[in-house]
Amino acid sequence: MPTQTKKKSESHEQQKIRIKLKAYDNKVIDKSAKQIVDTIERNGGKVVGPVPLPTEIHKYTVNRSTFIDKNSREQFEMRVHKRLVEIPNYTPKIIDSLQNLSLPAGVDIEIKM
């Protein structure tokens, strides 16, 4: 029985924040990831990352003409770049500074605790 209570207390201490960033432009996502890392380090926290995750590539093929010449087509692709930033130990000061952070448009942020 004592091992079960020990495991629960260890898991409670090891809480971490995962910040997942998504954007179409790789330069914008790198700048915003650097801004997040600088903010965390300025407030005295440790950071793991930014870790580049695999890029999603969505490809679309469209006919150039409406009803004639089926062999003439155009191909388009959208690339979604992703980064992962982890904060193993965090304080309320770090959370407040991350909430007040303004990032450029086009960057999607997903925060998990």
N, C-alpha and C. Protein backbone atom coordinates (compact mmCIF):
# COMPACT_ATOMS: atom_id res chain seq x y z
N MET A 1 0.79 -1.21 0.00
CA MET A 1 0.00 0.00 0.00
C MET A 1 0.84 1.28 0.00
N PRO A 2 1.96 1.35 0.72
CA PRO A 2 2.72 2.60 0.74
C PRO A 2 3.24 2.99 -0.65
N THR A 3 3.47 2.01 -1.54
CA THR A 3 3.99 2.35 -2.87
C THR A 3 2.94 3.10 -3.68
N GLN A 4 1.67 2.81 -3.48
CA GLN A 4 0.62 3.49 -4.23
C GLN A 4 0.54 4.96 -3.84
N THR A 5 0.62 5.26 -2.55
CA THR A 5 0.55 6.65 -2.13
C THR A 5 1.78 7.42 -2.60
N LYS A 6 2.93 6.76 -2.66
CA LYS A 6 4.15 7.41 -3.12
C LYS A 6 4.03 7.78 -4.61
N LYS A 7 3.45 6.88 -5.40
CA LYS A 7 3.29 7.14 -6.84
C LYS A 7 2.35 8.32 -7.07
N LYS A 8 1.30 8.42 -6.29
CA LYS A 8 0.37 9.53 -6.46
C LYS A 8 1.03 10.85 -6.13
N SER A 9 1.82 10.91 -5.08
CA SER A 9 2.47 12.16 -4.71
C SER A 9 3.54 12.55 -5.74
N GLU A 10 4.25 11.57 -6.31
CA GLU A 10 5.25 11.86 -7.33
C GLU A 10 4.61 12.41 -8.59
N SER A 11 3.48 11.84 -8.99
CA SER A 11 2.83 12.31 -10.20
C SER A 11 2.27 13.71 -10.01
N HIS A 12 1.87 14.03 -8.77
CA HIS A 12 1.35 15.37 -8.49
C HIS A 12 2.46 16.41 -8.57
N GLU A 13 3.67 16.05 -8.12
CA GLU A 13 4.78 16.98 -8.16
C GLU A 13 5.29 17.21 -9.58
N GLN A 14 5.16 16.24 -10.46
CA GLN A 14 5.73 16.31 -11.79
C GLN A 14 4.77 16.91 -12.82
N GLN A 15 3.97 17.87 -12.43
CA GLN A 15 3.09 18.52 -13.39
C GLN A 15 3.92 19.38 -14.32
N LYS A 16 3.50 19.44 -15.59
CA LYS A 16 4.23 20.25 -16.56
C LYS A 16 3.24 20.87 -17.53
N ILE A 17 3.68 21.90 -18.18
CA ILE A 17 2.87 22.58 -19.18
C ILE A 17 3.45 22.26 -20.54
N ARG A 18 2.58 21.88 -21.48
CA ARG A 18 2.99 21.66 -22.87
C ARG A 18 2.34 22.72 -23.73
N ILE A 19 3.14 23.44 -24.46
CA ILE A 19 2.65 24.47 -25.38
C ILE A 19 2.91 23.99 -26.79
N LYS A 20 1.84 23.84 -27.57
CA LYS A 20 1.95 23.38 -28.95
C LYS A 20 1.61 24.54 -29.86
N LEU A 21 2.52 24.88 -30.76
CA LEU A 21 2.34 25.99 -31.69
C LEU A 21 2.14 25.45 -33.10
N LYS A 22 1.20 26.07 -33.83
CA LYS A 22 0.97 25.71 -35.23
C LYS A 22 0.90 26.99 -36.06
N ALA A 23 1.50 26.95 -37.25
CA ALA A 23 1.44 28.10 -38.15
C ALA A 23 1.76 27.65 -39.57
N TYR A 24 1.33 28.46 -40.53
CA TYR A 24 1.62 28.17 -41.93
C TYR A 24 3.01 28.65 -42.32
N ASP A 25 3.53 29.66 -41.64
CA ASP A 25 4.82 30.24 -41.97
C ASP A 25 5.85 29.82 -40.93
N ASN A 26 6.97 29.23 -41.38
CA ASN A 26 7.95 28.72 -40.43
C ASN A 26 8.73 29.84 -39.73
N LYS A 27 8.91 30.98 -40.36
CA LYS A 27 9.64 32.08 -39.73
C LYS A 27 8.83 32.67 -38.57
N VAL A 28 7.53 32.79 -38.77
CA VAL A 28 6.66 33.35 -37.74
C VAL A 28 6.60 32.43 -36.52
N ILE A 29 6.52 31.12 -36.77
CA ILE A 29 6.43 30.18 -35.66
C ILE A 29 7.75 30.11 -34.89
N ASP A 30 8.88 30.25 -35.58
CA ASP A 30 10.16 30.25 -34.88
C ASP A 30 10.33 31.49 -34.01
N LYS A 31 9.89 32.65 -34.51
CA LYS A 31 9.97 33.88 -33.72
C LYS A 31 9.08 33.79 -32.48
N SER A 32 7.87 33.27 -32.64
CA SER A 32 6.96 33.19 -31.49
C SER A 32 7.45 32.16 -30.48
N ALA A 33 8.06 31.05 -30.94
CA ALA A 33 8.61 30.06 -30.01
C ALA A 33 9.78 30.66 -29.23
N LYS A 34 10.61 31.44 -29.91
CA LYS A 34 11.73 32.10 -29.23
C LYS A 34 11.22 33.10 -28.21
N GLN A 35 10.16 33.81 -28.54
CA GLN A 35 9.56 34.78 -27.62
C GLN A 35 9.02 34.09 -26.37
N ILE A 36 8.39 32.94 -26.54
CA ILE A 36 7.86 32.18 -25.40
C ILE A 36 9.00 31.68 -24.52
N VAL A 37 10.04 31.13 -25.14
CA VAL A 37 11.19 30.61 -24.38
C VAL A 37 11.87 31.74 -23.60
N ASP A 38 12.04 32.91 -24.23
CA ASP A 38 12.67 34.04 -23.54
C ASP A 38 11.83 34.50 -22.35
N THR A 39 10.52 34.51 -22.51
CA THR A 39 9.63 34.92 -21.42
C THR A 39 9.73 33.97 -20.24
N ILE A 40 9.76 32.67 -20.53
CA ILE A 40 9.85 31.68 -19.45
C ILE A 40 11.20 31.78 -18.73
N GLU A 41 12.29 31.91 -19.48
CA GLU A 41 13.61 31.99 -18.87
C GLU A 41 13.78 33.29 -18.08
N ARG A 42 13.15 34.38 -18.53
CA ARG A 42 13.23 35.65 -17.83
C ARG A 42 12.57 35.56 -16.45
N ASN A 43 11.53 34.71 -16.35
CA ASN A 43 10.82 34.56 -15.08
C ASN A 43 11.37 33.41 -14.24
N GLY A 44 12.50 32.86 -14.60
CA GLY A 44 13.18 31.88 -13.78
C GLY A 44 12.71 30.45 -13.94
N GLY A 45 12.19 30.09 -15.12
CA GLY A 45 11.74 28.73 -15.35
C GLY A 45 12.66 27.99 -16.31
N LYS A 46 12.60 26.66 -16.24
CA LYS A 46 13.36 25.84 -17.18
C LYS A 46 12.47 25.50 -18.37
N VAL A 47 13.11 25.39 -19.54
CA VAL A 47 12.36 25.13 -20.77
C VAL A 47 12.97 23.94 -21.49
N VAL A 48 12.10 23.08 -22.02
CA VAL A 48 12.52 21.99 -22.90
C VAL A 48 11.96 22.33 -24.27
N GLY A 49 12.83 22.61 -25.22
CA GLY A 49 12.35 22.91 -26.56
C GLY A 49 12.88 24.23 -27.05
N PRO A 50 12.35 24.74 -28.10
CA PRO A 50 11.24 24.25 -28.91
C PRO A 50 11.64 23.04 -29.77
N VAL A 51 10.81 22.02 -29.74
CA VAL A 51 11.04 20.80 -30.49
C VAL A 51 10.24 20.88 -31.78
N PRO A 52 10.87 20.79 -32.95
CA PRO A 52 10.11 20.80 -34.21
C PRO A 52 9.40 19.46 -34.40
N LEU A 53 8.10 19.53 -34.57
CA LEU A 53 7.29 18.34 -34.85
C LEU A 53 7.15 18.19 -36.36
N PRO A 54 6.74 17.02 -36.84
CA PRO A 54 6.61 16.83 -38.30
C PRO A 54 5.63 17.82 -38.93
N THR A 55 5.99 18.30 -40.10
CA THR A 55 5.15 19.26 -40.82
C THR A 55 4.03 18.53 -41.55
N GLU A 56 2.80 19.00 -41.35
CA GLU A 56 1.66 18.43 -42.08
C GLU A 56 1.62 19.06 -43.47
N ILE A 57 1.47 18.25 -44.49
CA ILE A 57 1.36 18.76 -45.86
C ILE A 57 0.02 18.29 -46.42
N HIS A 58 -0.84 19.27 -46.73
CA HIS A 58 -2.13 18.97 -47.34
C HIS A 58 -2.04 19.33 -48.82
N LYS A 59 -2.24 18.35 -49.69
CA LYS A 59 -2.14 18.59 -51.14
C LYS A 59 -3.53 18.55 -51.76
N TYR A 60 -3.77 19.49 -52.66
CA TYR A 60 -5.05 19.60 -53.36
C TYR A 60 -4.80 19.66 -54.86
N THR A 61 -5.56 18.88 -55.63
CA THR A 61 -5.48 18.91 -57.08
C THR A 61 -6.81 19.42 -57.61
N VAL A 62 -6.75 20.43 -58.49
CA VAL A 62 -7.94 21.10 -59.00
C VAL A 62 -7.86 21.15 -60.52
N ASN A 63 -9.00 20.92 -61.19
CA ASN A 63 -9.05 21.09 -62.64
C ASN A 63 -8.92 22.57 -62.99
N ARG A 64 -8.15 22.87 -64.03
CA ARG A 64 -8.00 24.26 -64.45
C ARG A 64 -9.26 24.77 -65.13
N SER A 65 -9.87 23.92 -65.91
CA SER A 65 -11.07 24.30 -66.64
C SER A 65 -12.29 23.76 -65.92
N THR A 66 -13.46 24.31 -66.24
CA THR A 66 -14.68 23.88 -65.56
C THR A 66 -15.17 22.53 -66.05
N PHE A 67 -15.25 22.33 -67.39
CA PHE A 67 -15.81 21.08 -67.89
C PHE A 67 -15.04 20.46 -69.04
N ILE A 68 -14.01 21.13 -69.53
CA ILE A 68 -13.28 20.61 -70.68
C ILE A 68 -11.81 20.45 -70.31
N ASP A 69 -11.12 19.56 -71.00
CA ASP A 69 -9.68 19.37 -70.81
C ASP A 69 -9.36 18.89 -69.39
N LYS A 70 -9.78 17.67 -69.12
CA LYS A 70 -9.58 17.06 -67.80
C LYS A 70 -8.09 16.87 -67.47
N ASN A 71 -7.23 16.75 -68.47
CA ASN A 71 -5.82 16.49 -68.23
C ASN A 71 -5.06 17.71 -67.72
N SER A 72 -5.65 18.90 -67.86
CA SER A 72 -5.00 20.12 -67.41
C SER A 72 -5.43 20.40 -65.96
N ARG A 73 -4.49 20.21 -65.03
CA ARG A 73 -4.81 20.37 -63.60
C ARG A 73 -3.76 21.21 -62.92
N GLU A 74 -4.14 21.78 -61.78
CA GLU A 74 -3.21 22.53 -60.94
C GLU A 74 -3.12 21.82 -59.59
N GLN A 75 -1.94 21.87 -59.01
CA GLN A 75 -1.75 21.25 -57.69
C GLN A 75 -1.30 22.32 -56.70
N PHE A 76 -1.94 22.30 -55.53
CA PHE A 76 -1.62 23.23 -54.47
C PHE A 76 -1.31 22.44 -53.20
N GLU A 77 -0.53 23.06 -52.31
CA GLU A 77 -0.28 22.41 -51.02
C GLU A 77 -0.25 23.45 -49.91
N MET A 78 -0.69 23.02 -48.75
CA MET A 78 -0.62 23.83 -47.54
C MET A 78 0.28 23.10 -46.55
N ARG A 79 1.23 23.81 -46.00
CA ARG A 79 2.13 23.22 -45.00
C ARG A 79 1.80 23.82 -43.64
N VAL A 80 1.62 22.94 -42.65
CA VAL A 80 1.36 23.36 -41.28
C VAL A 80 2.58 22.98 -40.45
N HIS A 81 3.34 24.00 -40.02
CA HIS A 81 4.54 23.79 -39.21
C HIS A 81 4.13 23.75 -37.74
N LYS A 82 4.81 22.88 -36.97
CA LYS A 82 4.47 22.72 -35.55
C LYS A 82 5.72 22.75 -34.70
N ARG A 83 5.58 23.30 -33.49
CA ARG A 83 6.65 23.31 -32.50
C ARG A 83 6.04 22.94 -31.15
N LEU A 84 6.87 22.31 -30.29
CA LEU A 84 6.44 21.92 -28.96
C LEU A 84 7.41 22.50 -27.94
N VAL A 85 6.85 23.19 -26.92
CA VAL A 85 7.64 23.75 -25.83
C VAL A 85 7.10 23.18 -24.54
N GLU A 86 7.99 22.63 -23.69
CA GLU A 86 7.57 22.06 -22.41
C GLU A 86 8.19 22.85 -21.27
N ILE A 87 7.39 23.03 -20.21
CA ILE A 87 7.86 23.66 -18.98
C ILE A 87 7.69 22.62 -17.88
N PRO A 88 8.79 21.95 -17.43
CA PRO A 88 8.65 20.89 -16.43
C PRO A 88 8.19 21.40 -15.07
N ASN A 89 8.75 22.50 -14.59
CA ASN A 89 8.35 23.09 -13.30
C ASN A 89 7.95 24.53 -13.56
N TYR A 90 6.75 24.88 -13.16
CA TYR A 90 6.27 26.23 -13.44
C TYR A 90 5.75 26.89 -12.17
N THR A 91 5.68 28.21 -12.23
CA THR A 91 5.17 29.01 -11.12
C THR A 91 4.01 29.85 -11.62
N PRO A 92 3.20 30.40 -10.73
CA PRO A 92 2.11 31.28 -11.17
C PRO A 92 2.62 32.52 -11.92
N LYS A 93 3.83 32.97 -11.58
CA LYS A 93 4.41 34.13 -12.28
C LYS A 93 4.64 33.82 -13.76
N ILE A 94 5.08 32.60 -14.06
CA ILE A 94 5.31 32.19 -15.45
C ILE A 94 3.99 32.13 -16.20
N ILE A 95 2.96 31.60 -15.56
CA ILE A 95 1.64 31.48 -16.20
C ILE A 95 1.08 32.85 -16.52
N ASP A 96 1.21 33.81 -15.57
CA ASP A 96 0.72 35.17 -15.80
C ASP A 96 1.45 35.84 -16.96
N SER A 97 2.77 35.65 -17.02
CA SER A 97 3.54 36.29 -18.10
C SER A 97 3.20 35.67 -19.45
N LEU A 98 2.89 34.37 -19.49
CA LEU A 98 2.50 33.74 -20.76
C LEU A 98 1.13 34.22 -21.22
N GLN A 99 0.23 34.48 -20.28
CA GLN A 99 -1.11 34.96 -20.64
C GLN A 99 -1.05 36.38 -21.20
N ASN A 100 -0.11 37.19 -20.72
CA ASN A 100 0.00 38.58 -21.19
C ASN A 100 0.85 38.71 -22.45
N LEU A 101 1.38 37.61 -22.95
CA LEU A 101 2.25 37.62 -24.12
C LEU A 101 1.43 37.82 -25.39
N SER A 102 1.85 38.75 -26.24
CA SER A 102 1.15 38.96 -27.51
C SER A 102 1.99 38.37 -28.64
N LEU A 103 1.40 37.41 -29.35
CA LEU A 103 2.09 36.74 -30.44
C LEU A 103 1.52 37.22 -31.78
N PRO A 104 2.28 37.08 -32.87
CA PRO A 104 1.80 37.54 -34.17
C PRO A 104 0.58 36.75 -34.65
N ALA A 105 -0.16 37.37 -35.56
CA ALA A 105 -1.33 36.70 -36.12
C ALA A 105 -0.90 35.50 -36.95
N GLY A 106 -1.72 34.49 -36.99
CA GLY A 106 -1.42 33.30 -37.77
C GLY A 106 -0.76 32.19 -36.97
N VAL A 107 -0.55 32.40 -35.67
CA VAL A 107 0.04 31.37 -34.82
C VAL A 107 -1.05 30.83 -33.90
N ASP A 108 -1.28 29.52 -33.97
CA ASP A 108 -2.27 28.88 -33.12
C ASP A 108 -1.56 28.26 -31.94
N ILE A 109 -2.08 28.53 -30.72
CA ILE A 109 -1.44 28.05 -29.50
C ILE A 109 -2.39 27.11 -28.78
N GLU A 110 -1.84 25.96 -28.35
CA GLU A 110 -2.60 25.00 -27.57
C GLU A 110 -1.79 24.71 -26.31
N ILE A 111 -2.39 25.00 -25.13
CA ILE A 111 -1.68 24.82 -23.87
C ILE A 111 -2.36 23.71 -23.09
N LYS A 112 -1.55 22.71 -22.67
CA LYS A 112 -2.05 21.62 -21.85
C LYS A 112 -1.28 21.58 -20.54
N MET A 113 -1.97 21.32 -19.46
CA MET A 113 -1.33 21.23 -18.14
C MET A 113 -1.36 19.80 -17.67
